[in-house]
Amino acid sequence: MNADFIASFLYSVIRITTPLLYGALGALICKQGGVLHIAFEACMLFAAFFGVVASALTQSVFLGLIAGMAGGILVMLL
């Protein structure tokens, strides 16, 4: 294995695991506060889905961002 492959692989691992780490840190903070919430991955999935669909339909990144936040909040309220 050469150094370029190893560097590329480590960069990919960090890039792919960052969103999951955000969800895990959110769950850890909730657990420390005494709240058990296990749907962080579903919240992130629905937020991403609503954001992409709204951005594709309206051709606006800002409206996609707003729709993604609204979708995530909607799932968290369920």
C-alpha atoms as a PDB file:
ATOM      1  CA  MET A   1       0.000   0.000   0.000  1.00  0.00           C
ATOM      2  CA  ASN A   2       1.302   3.384  -0.873  1.00  0.00           C
ATOM      3  CA  ALA A   3       0.920   6.611   1.061  1.00  0.00           C
ATOM      4  CA  ASP A   4      -1.530   8.136  -1.427  1.00  0.00           C
ATOM      5  CA  PHE A   5      -3.977   5.270  -0.983  1.00  0.00           C
ATOM      6  CA  ILE A   6      -3.773   5.420   2.802  1.00  0.00           C
ATOM      7  CA  ALA A   7      -4.256   9.192   2.861  1.00  0.00           C
ATOM      8  CA  SER A   8      -7.197   8.948   0.460  1.00  0.00           C
ATOM      9  CA  PHE A   9      -8.763   6.153   2.502  1.00  0.00           C
ATOM     10  CA  LEU A  10      -8.448   8.033   5.793  1.00  0.00           C
ATOM     11  CA  TYR A  11      -9.892  11.174   4.212  1.00  0.00           C
ATOM     12  CA  SER A  12     -12.876   9.154   2.935  1.00  0.00           C
ATOM     13  CA  VAL A  13     -13.454   7.567   6.336  1.00  0.00           C
ATOM     14  CA  ILE A  14     -13.480  10.946   8.078  1.00  0.00           C
ATOM     15  CA  ARG A  15     -15.712  12.487   5.396  1.00  0.00           C
ATOM     16  CA  ILE A  16     -18.266   9.672   5.538  1.00  0.00           C
ATOM     17  CA  THR A  17     -18.435   9.296   9.328  1.00  0.00           C
ATOM     18  CA  THR A  18     -18.770  13.002  10.166  1.00  0.00           C
ATOM     19  CA  PRO A  19     -22.604  13.162   9.842  1.00  0.00           C
ATOM     20  CA  LEU A  20     -22.996  10.013  11.921  1.00  0.00           C
ATOM     21  CA  LEU A  21     -20.705  11.432  14.573  1.00  0.00           C
ATOM     22  CA  TYR A  22     -22.898  14.532  14.785  1.00  0.00           C
ATOM     23  CA  GLY A  23     -25.927  12.326  15.461  1.00  0.00           C
ATOM     24  CA  ALA A  24     -24.011  10.262  18.014  1.00  0.00           C
ATOM     25  CA  LEU A  25     -22.833  13.392  19.828  1.00  0.00           C
ATOM     26  CA  GLY A  26     -26.413  14.699  19.896  1.00  0.00           C
ATOM     27  CA  ALA A  27     -27.611  11.409  21.381  1.00  0.00           C
ATOM     28  CA  LEU A  28     -24.819  11.543  23.963  1.00  0.00           C
ATOM     29  CA  ILE A  29     -25.786  15.060  25.004  1.00  0.00           C
ATOM     30  CA  CYS A  30     -29.448  14.007  25.315  1.00  0.00           C
ATOM     31  CA  LYS A  31     -28.482  10.977  27.364  1.00  0.00           C
ATOM     32  CA  GLN A  32     -26.394  13.110  29.718  1.00  0.00           C
ATOM     33  CA  GLY A  33     -29.447  15.326  30.164  1.00  0.00           C
ATOM     34  CA  GLY A  34     -31.611  12.337  31.076  1.00  0.00           C
ATOM     35  CA  VAL A  35     -33.573  12.153  27.816  1.00  0.00           C
ATOM     36  CA  LEU A  36     -33.509   8.928  25.808  1.00  0.00           C
ATOM     37  CA  HIS A  37     -33.850   9.634  22.100  1.00  0.00           C
ATOM     38  CA  ILE A  38     -32.868   6.978  19.576  1.00  0.00           C
ATOM     39  CA  ALA A  39     -34.167   8.466  16.323  1.00  0.00           C
ATOM     40  CA  PHE A  40     -31.315  10.801  15.401  1.00  0.00           C
ATOM     41  CA  GLU A  41     -30.487   8.849  12.251  1.00  0.00           C
ATOM     42  CA  ALA A  42     -34.108   8.985  11.107  1.00  0.00           C
ATOM     43  CA  CYS A  43     -34.201  12.712  11.773  1.00  0.00           C
ATOM     44  CA  MET A  44     -31.071  13.259   9.693  1.00  0.00           C
ATOM     45  CA  LEU A  45     -32.443  11.045   6.905  1.00  0.00           C
ATOM     46  CA  PHE A  46     -35.768  12.866   6.696  1.00  0.00           C
ATOM     47  CA  ALA A  47     -34.101  16.273   6.913  1.00  0.00           C
ATOM     48  CA  ALA A  48     -31.788  15.358   4.040  1.00  0.00           C
ATOM     49  CA  PHE A  49     -34.698  14.001   1.986  1.00  0.00           C
ATOM     50  CA  PHE A  50     -36.884  17.064   2.479  1.00  0.00           C
ATOM     51  CA  GLY A  51     -33.957  19.369   1.823  1.00  0.00           C
ATOM     52  CA  VAL A  52     -33.025  17.679  -1.459  1.00  0.00           C
ATOM     53  CA  VAL A  53     -36.619  17.489  -2.697  1.00  0.00           C
ATOM     54  CA  ALA A  54     -37.375  21.117  -1.848  1.00  0.00           C
ATOM     55  CA  SER A  55     -34.111  22.280  -3.372  1.00  0.00           C
ATOM     56  CA  ALA A  56     -34.796  20.325  -6.558  1.00  0.00           C
ATOM     57  CA  LEU A  57     -38.361  21.604  -6.874  1.00  0.00           C
ATOM     58  CA  THR A  58     -37.662  25.253  -6.109  1.00  0.00           C
ATOM     59  CA  GLN A  59     -34.116  25.505  -7.509  1.00  0.00           C
ATOM     60  CA  SER A  60     -33.161  27.369  -4.332  1.00  0.00           C
ATOM     61  CA  VAL A  61     -30.520  26.218  -1.885  1.00  0.00           C
ATOM     62  CA  PHE A  62     -31.933  28.481   0.831  1.00  0.00           C
ATOM     63  CA  LEU A  63     -35.444  26.996   0.559  1.00  0.00           C
ATOM     64  CA  GLY A  64     -33.920  23.517   0.544  1.00  0.00           C
ATOM     65  CA  LEU A  65     -32.095  24.342   3.764  1.00  0.00           C
ATOM     66  CA  ILE A  66     -35.288  25.666   5.364  1.00  0.00           C
ATOM     67  CA  ALA A  67     -37.254  22.596   4.233  1.00  0.00           C
ATOM     68  CA  GLY A  68     -34.545  20.298   5.583  1.00  0.00           C
ATOM     69  CA  MET A  69     -34.686  21.982   8.971  1.00  0.00           C
ATOM     70  CA  ALA A  70     -38.484  21.823   8.966  1.00  0.00           C
ATOM     71  CA  GLY A  71     -38.425  18.134   8.018  1.00  0.00           C
ATOM     72  CA  GLY A  72     -35.980  17.337  10.803  1.00  0.00           C
ATOM     73  CA  ILE A  73     -38.048  19.241  13.338  1.00  0.00           C
ATOM     74  CA  LEU A  74     -41.212  17.507  12.140  1.00  0.00           C
ATOM     75  CA  VAL A  75     -39.690  14.062  12.633  1.00  0.00           C
ATOM     76  CA  MET A  76     -38.319  14.999  16.053  1.00  0.00           C
ATOM     77  CA  LEU A  77     -41.796  16.087  17.165  1.00  0.00           C
ATOM     78  CA  LEU A  78     -43.305  12.682  16.372  1.00  0.00           C
END
